Amino acid sequence: MATVPAAAAVRTTPLLLVAVLFGAVAAFFASQALWPLTALAVVIAAAVLAGGVWMIGRRGSREL
């Protein structure tokens, strides 16, 4: 199992914060029954998380 260096974790922290923010926005839109906006916020949050995972994997493969 590969570990993530602390420096990579620090660089991806802003991406995680953005994903959490869009998750909170999605929860708010869902509570207001604004389903198209909820779907958009969920898609953005998932894309940000996937981008962060991809960046960590790309950096990890360079270090091997």
PDB file of N, CA and C in Angstrom:
ATOM      1  N   MET A   1       0.849  -1.179   0.000  1.00  0.00           N
ATOM      2  CA  MET A   1       0.000   0.000   0.000  1.00  0.00           C
ATOM      3  C   MET A   1       0.893   1.240   0.000  1.00  0.00           C
ATOM      4  N   ALA A   2       0.582   2.192  -0.858  1.00  0.00           N
ATOM      5  CA  ALA A   2       1.366   3.422  -0.956  1.00  0.00           C
ATOM      6  C   ALA A   2       0.845   4.449   0.043  1.00  0.00           C
ATOM      7  N   THR A   3       1.759   5.224   0.556  1.00  0.00           N
ATOM      8  CA  THR A   3       1.363   6.305   1.457  1.00  0.00           C
ATOM      9  C   THR A   3       1.496   7.626   0.719  1.00  0.00           C
ATOM     10  N   VAL A   4       0.709   8.586   1.136  1.00  0.00           N
ATOM     11  CA  VAL A   4       0.742   9.904   0.514  1.00  0.00           C
ATOM     12  C   VAL A   4       1.671  10.786   1.328  1.00  0.00           C
ATOM     13  N   PRO A   5       2.683  11.368   0.704  1.00  0.00           N
ATOM     14  CA  PRO A   5       3.570  12.269   1.447  1.00  0.00           C
ATOM     15  C   PRO A   5       2.792  13.460   1.995  1.00  0.00           C
ATOM     16  N   ALA A   6       3.287  13.988   3.094  1.00  0.00           N
ATOM     17  CA  ALA A   6       2.599  15.115   3.735  1.00  0.00           C
ATOM     18  C   ALA A   6       2.499  16.317   2.798  1.00  0.00           C
ATOM     19  N   ALA A   7       3.525  16.552   1.996  1.00  0.00           N
ATOM     20  CA  ALA A   7       3.491  17.694   1.083  1.00  0.00           C
ATOM     21  C   ALA A   7       2.359  17.557   0.067  1.00  0.00           C
ATOM     22  N   ALA A   8       2.122  16.350  -0.441  1.00  0.00           N
ATOM     23  CA  ALA A   8       1.025  16.140  -1.389  1.00  0.00           C
ATOM     24  C   ALA A   8      -0.310  16.344  -0.707  1.00  0.00           C
ATOM     25  N   ALA A   9      -0.407  15.920   0.533  1.00  0.00           N
ATOM     26  CA  ALA A   9      -1.662  16.097   1.272  1.00  0.00           C
ATOM     27  C   ALA A   9      -1.950  17.575   1.494  1.00  0.00           C
ATOM     28  N   VAL A  10      -0.924  18.345   1.777  1.00  0.00           N
ATOM     29  CA  VAL A  10      -1.115  19.784   1.990  1.00  0.00           C
ATOM     30  C   VAL A  10      -1.552  20.458   0.702  1.00  0.00           C
ATOM     31  N   ARG A  11      -0.979  20.038  -0.445  1.00  0.00           N
ATOM     32  CA  ARG A  11      -1.355  20.650  -1.716  1.00  0.00           C
ATOM     33  C   ARG A  11      -2.775  20.300  -2.132  1.00  0.00           C
ATOM     34  N   THR A  12      -3.272  19.135  -1.733  1.00  0.00           N
ATOM     35  CA  THR A  12      -4.624  18.742  -2.129  1.00  0.00           C
ATOM     36  C   THR A  12      -5.687  19.176  -1.127  1.00  0.00           C
ATOM     37  N   THR A  13      -5.282  19.708   0.022  1.00  0.00           N
ATOM     38  CA  THR A  13      -6.258  20.148   1.024  1.00  0.00           C
ATOM     39  C   THR A  13      -7.226  21.179   0.468  1.00  0.00           C
ATOM     40  N   PRO A  14      -6.794  22.177  -0.304  1.00  0.00           N
ATOM     41  CA  PRO A  14      -7.775  23.119  -0.864  1.00  0.00           C
ATOM     42  C   PRO A  14      -8.817  22.426  -1.751  1.00  0.00           C
ATOM     43  N   LEU A  15      -8.406  21.389  -2.489  1.00  0.00           N
ATOM     44  CA  LEU A  15      -9.376  20.657  -3.310  1.00  0.00           C
ATOM     45  C   LEU A  15     -10.408  19.964  -2.435  1.00  0.00           C
ATOM     46  N   LEU A  16      -9.978  19.391  -1.326  1.00  0.00           N
ATOM     47  CA  LEU A  16     -10.921  18.738  -0.424  1.00  0.00           C
ATOM     48  C   LEU A  16     -11.876  19.748   0.190  1.00  0.00           C
ATOM     49  N   LEU A  17     -11.371  20.927   0.520  1.00  0.00           N
ATOM     50  CA  LEU A  17     -12.241  21.963   1.087  1.00  0.00           C
ATOM     51  C   LEU A  17     -13.283  22.416   0.069  1.00  0.00           C
ATOM     52  N   VAL A  18     -12.889  22.534  -1.188  1.00  0.00           N
ATOM     53  CA  VAL A  18     -13.841  22.913  -2.238  1.00  0.00           C
ATOM     54  C   VAL A  18     -14.901  21.824  -2.396  1.00  0.00           C
ATOM     55  N   ALA A  19     -14.472  20.553  -2.363  1.00  0.00           N
ATOM     56  CA  ALA A  19     -15.428  19.454  -2.490  1.00  0.00           C
ATOM     57  C   ALA A  19     -16.407  19.450  -1.320  1.00  0.00           C
ATOM     58  N   VAL A  20     -15.922  19.691  -0.122  1.00  0.00           N
ATOM     59  CA  VAL A  20     -16.806  19.746   1.048  1.00  0.00           C
ATOM     60  C   VAL A  20     -17.769  20.927   0.930  1.00  0.00           C
ATOM     61  N   LEU A  21     -17.270  22.060   0.446  1.00  0.00           N
ATOM     62  CA  LEU A  21     -18.128  23.233   0.259  1.00  0.00           C
ATOM     63  C   LEU A  21     -19.260  22.928  -0.716  1.00  0.00           C
ATOM     64  N   PHE A  22     -18.930  22.295  -1.854  1.00  0.00           N
ATOM     65  CA  PHE A  22     -19.975  21.970  -2.817  1.00  0.00           C
ATOM     66  C   PHE A  22     -20.917  20.893  -2.273  1.00  0.00           C
ATOM     67  N   GLY A  23     -20.409  20.012  -1.413  1.00  0.00           N
ATOM     68  CA  GLY A  23     -21.285  19.050  -0.750  1.00  0.00           C
ATOM     69  C   GLY A  23     -22.295  19.749   0.156  1.00  0.00           C
ATOM     70  N   ALA A  24     -21.824  20.761   0.877  1.00  0.00           N
ATOM     71  CA  ALA A  24     -22.727  21.530   1.738  1.00  0.00           C
ATOM     72  C   ALA A  24     -23.743  22.305   0.904  1.00  0.00           C
ATOM     73  N   VAL A  25     -23.291  22.861  -0.206  1.00  0.00           N
ATOM     74  CA  VAL A  25     -24.207  23.573  -1.105  1.00  0.00           C
ATOM     75  C   VAL A  25     -25.258  22.609  -1.652  1.00  0.00           C
ATOM     76  N   ALA A  26     -24.828  21.397  -2.015  1.00  0.00           N
ATOM     77  CA  ALA A  26     -25.774  20.393  -2.511  1.00  0.00           C
ATOM     78  C   ALA A  26     -26.796  20.035  -1.445  1.00  0.00           C
ATOM     79  N   ALA A  27     -26.361  19.909  -0.200  1.00  0.00           N
ATOM     80  CA  ALA A  27     -27.292  19.595   0.889  1.00  0.00           C
ATOM     81  C   ALA A  27     -28.309  20.727   1.075  1.00  0.00           C
ATOM     82  N   PHE A  28     -27.847  21.970   0.966  1.00  0.00           N
ATOM     83  CA  PHE A  28     -28.761  23.095   1.091  1.00  0.00           C
ATOM     84  C   PHE A  28     -29.783  23.096  -0.044  1.00  0.00           C
ATOM     85  N   PHE A  29     -29.305  22.916  -1.281  1.00  0.00           N
ATOM     86  CA  PHE A  29     -30.232  22.891  -2.415  1.00  0.00           C
ATOM     87  C   PHE A  29     -31.228  21.742  -2.295  1.00  0.00           C
ATOM     88  N   ALA A  30     -30.769  20.600  -1.783  1.00  0.00           N
ATOM     89  CA  ALA A  30     -31.679  19.467  -1.604  1.00  0.00           C
ATOM     90  C   ALA A  30     -32.742  19.792  -0.562  1.00  0.00           C
ATOM     91  N   SER A  31     -32.352  20.496   0.484  1.00  0.00           N
ATOM     92  CA  SER A  31     -33.332  20.847   1.514  1.00  0.00           C
ATOM     93  C   SER A  31     -34.371  21.829   0.990  1.00  0.00           C
ATOM     94  N   GLN A  32     -34.005  22.581  -0.039  1.00  0.00           N
ATOM     95  CA  GLN A  32     -34.936  23.533  -0.647  1.00  0.00           C
ATOM     96  C   GLN A  32     -35.672  22.935  -1.851  1.00  0.00           C
ATOM     97  N   ALA A  33     -35.419  21.657  -2.129  1.00  0.00           N
ATOM     98  CA  ALA A  33     -36.023  20.925  -3.250  1.00  0.00           C
ATOM     99  C   ALA A  33     -35.646  21.549  -4.595  1.00  0.00           C
ATOM    100  N   LEU A  34     -34.422  22.022  -4.705  1.00  0.00           N
ATOM    101  CA  LEU A  34     -33.909  22.562  -5.961  1.00  0.00           C
ATOM    102  C   LEU A  34     -33.047  21.479  -6.611  1.00  0.00           C
ATOM    103  N   TRP A  35     -33.696  20.477  -7.175  1.00  0.00           N
ATOM    104  CA  TRP A  35     -33.007  19.270  -7.630  1.00  0.00           C
ATOM    105  C   TRP A  35     -32.012  19.492  -8.758  1.00  0.00           C
ATOM    106  N   PRO A  36     -32.282  20.331  -9.755  1.00  0.00           N
ATOM    107  CA  PRO A  36     -31.256  20.538 -10.787  1.00  0.00           C
ATOM    108  C   PRO A  36     -29.973  21.158 -10.215  1.00  0.00           C
ATOM    109  N   LEU A  37     -30.124  22.105  -9.307  1.00  0.00           N
ATOM    110  CA  LEU A  37     -28.948  22.718  -8.693  1.00  0.00           C
ATOM    111  C   LEU A  37     -28.240  21.727  -7.767  1.00  0.00           C
ATOM    112  N   THR A  38     -29.016  20.862  -7.106  1.00  0.00           N
ATOM    113  CA  THR A  38     -28.425  19.822  -6.262  1.00  0.00           C
ATOM    114  C   THR A  38     -27.569  18.890  -7.102  1.00  0.00           C
ATOM    115  N   ALA A  39     -28.100  18.465  -8.230  1.00  0.00           N
ATOM    116  CA  ALA A  39     -27.350  17.576  -9.116  1.00  0.00           C
ATOM    117  C   ALA A  39     -26.076  18.250  -9.611  1.00  0.00           C
ATOM    118  N   LEU A  40     -26.160  19.517  -9.976  1.00  0.00           N
ATOM    119  CA  LEU A  40     -24.985  20.252 -10.446  1.00  0.00           C
ATOM    120  C   LEU A  40     -23.921  20.338  -9.356  1.00  0.00           C
ATOM    121  N   ALA A  41     -24.316  20.651  -8.132  1.00  0.00           N
ATOM    122  CA  ALA A  41     -23.360  20.759  -7.029  1.00  0.00           C
ATOM    123  C   ALA A  41     -22.719  19.407  -6.720  1.00  0.00           C
ATOM    124  N   VAL A  42     -23.481  18.323  -6.810  1.00  0.00           N
ATOM    125  CA  VAL A  42     -22.929  16.992  -6.571  1.00  0.00           C
ATOM    126  C   VAL A  42     -21.924  16.629  -7.662  1.00  0.00           C
ATOM    127  N   VAL A  43     -22.248  16.951  -8.901  1.00  0.00           N
ATOM    128  CA  VAL A  43     -21.330  16.662 -10.007  1.00  0.00           C
ATOM    129  C   VAL A  43     -20.032  17.450  -9.841  1.00  0.00           C
ATOM    130  N   ILE A  44     -20.127  18.705  -9.452  1.00  0.00           N
ATOM    131  CA  ILE A  44     -18.922  19.517  -9.251  1.00  0.00           C
ATOM    132  C   ILE A  44     -18.089  18.959  -8.105  1.00  0.00           C
ATOM    133  N   ALA A  45     -18.737  18.597  -6.988  1.00  0.00           N
ATOM    134  CA  ALA A  45     -18.005  18.038  -5.853  1.00  0.00           C
ATOM    135  C   ALA A  45     -17.307  16.739  -6.247  1.00  0.00           C
ATOM    136  N   ALA A  46     -17.980  15.888  -6.995  1.00  0.00           N
ATOM    137  CA  ALA A  46     -17.377  14.620  -7.425  1.00  0.00           C
ATOM    138  C   ALA A  46     -16.214  14.868  -8.373  1.00  0.00           C
ATOM    139  N   ALA A  47     -16.345  15.841  -9.260  1.00  0.00           N
ATOM    140  CA  ALA A  47     -15.261  16.151 -10.190  1.00  0.00           C
ATOM    141  C   ALA A  47     -14.036  16.689  -9.456  1.00  0.00           C
ATOM    142  N   VAL A  48     -14.263  17.516  -8.464  1.00  0.00           N
ATOM    143  CA  VAL A  48     -13.140  18.054  -7.685  1.00  0.00           C
ATOM    144  C   VAL A  48     -12.444  16.935  -6.919  1.00  0.00           C
ATOM    145  N   LEU A  49     -13.209  16.047  -6.296  1.00  0.00           N
ATOM    146  CA  LEU A  49     -12.612  14.916  -5.593  1.00  0.00           C
ATOM    147  C   LEU A  49     -11.854  13.997  -6.540  1.00  0.00           C
ATOM    148  N   ALA A  50     -12.437  13.706  -7.694  1.00  0.00           N
ATOM    149  CA  ALA A  50     -11.762  12.842  -8.665  1.00  0.00           C
ATOM    150  C   ALA A  50     -10.474  13.505  -9.160  1.00  0.00           C
ATOM    151  N   GLY A  51     -10.517  14.795  -9.369  1.00  0.00           N
ATOM    152  CA  GLY A  51      -9.310  15.509  -9.781  1.00  0.00           C
ATOM    153  C   GLY A  51      -8.223  15.448  -8.727  1.00  0.00           C
ATOM    154  N   GLY A  52      -8.603  15.564  -7.468  1.00  0.00           N
ATOM    155  CA  GLY A  52      -7.625  15.455  -6.387  1.00  0.00           C
ATOM    156  C   GLY A  52      -7.016  14.069  -6.303  1.00  0.00           C
ATOM    157  N   VAL A  53      -7.848  13.048  -6.436  1.00  0.00           N
ATOM    158  CA  VAL A  53      -7.340  11.669  -6.416  1.00  0.00           C
ATOM    159  C   VAL A  53      -6.412  11.431  -7.599  1.00  0.00           C
ATOM    160  N   TRP A  54      -6.785  11.939  -8.761  1.00  0.00           N
ATOM    161  CA  TRP A  54      -5.954  11.780  -9.954  1.00  0.00           C
ATOM    162  C   TRP A  54      -4.604  12.470  -9.766  1.00  0.00           C
ATOM    163  N   MET A  55      -4.623  13.685  -9.178  1.00  0.00           N
ATOM    164  CA  MET A  55      -3.369  14.407  -8.959  1.00  0.00           C
ATOM    165  C   MET A  55      -2.461  13.664  -7.997  1.00  0.00           C
ATOM    166  N   ILE A  56      -3.029  13.111  -6.938  1.00  0.00           N
ATOM    167  CA  ILE A  56      -2.220  12.359  -5.971  1.00  0.00           C
ATOM    168  C   ILE A  56      -1.630  11.130  -6.636  1.00  0.00           C
ATOM    169  N   GLY A  57      -2.423  10.436  -7.435  1.00  0.00           N
ATOM    170  CA  GLY A  57      -1.927   9.244  -8.125  1.00  0.00           C
ATOM    171  C   GLY A  57      -0.841   9.583  -9.136  1.00  0.00           C
ATOM    172  N   ARG A  58      -0.983  10.678  -9.819  1.00  0.00           N
ATOM    173  CA  ARG A  58       0.021  11.087 -10.803  1.00  0.00           C
ATOM    174  C   ARG A  58       1.332  11.440 -10.127  1.00  0.00           C
ATOM    175  N   ARG A  59       1.249  12.141  -9.006  1.00  0.00           N
ATOM    176  CA  ARG A  59       2.472  12.493  -8.266  1.00  0.00           C
ATOM    177  C   ARG A  59       3.117  11.244  -7.698  1.00  0.00           C
ATOM    178  N   GLY A  60       2.298  10.316  -7.219  1.00  0.00           N
ATOM    179  CA  GLY A  60       2.832   9.084  -6.649  1.00  0.00           C
ATOM    180  C   GLY A  60       3.537   8.231  -7.669  1.00  0.00           C
ATOM    181  N   SER A  61       3.026   8.202  -8.895  1.00  0.00           N
ATOM    182  CA  SER A  61       3.651   7.381  -9.926  1.00  0.00           C
ATOM    183  C   SER A  61       4.987   7.970 -10.373  1.00  0.00           C
ATOM    184  N   ARG A  62       5.148   9.273 -10.257  1.00  0.00           N
ATOM    185  CA  ARG A  62       6.426   9.896 -10.603  1.00  0.00           C
ATOM    186  C   ARG A  62       7.496   9.583  -9.575  1.00  0.00           C
ATOM    187  N   GLU A  63       7.097   9.398  -8.310  1.00  0.00           N
ATOM    188  CA  GLU A  63       8.054   9.174  -7.241  1.00  0.00           C
ATOM    189  C   GLU A  63       8.553   7.742  -7.211  1.00  0.00           C
ATOM    190  N   LEU A  64       7.887   6.833  -7.905  1.00  0.00           N
ATOM    191  CA  LEU A  64       8.317   5.429  -7.879  1.00  0.00           C
ATOM    192  C   LEU A  64       9.501   5.187  -8.704  1.00  0.00           C
TER     193      LEU A  64
END
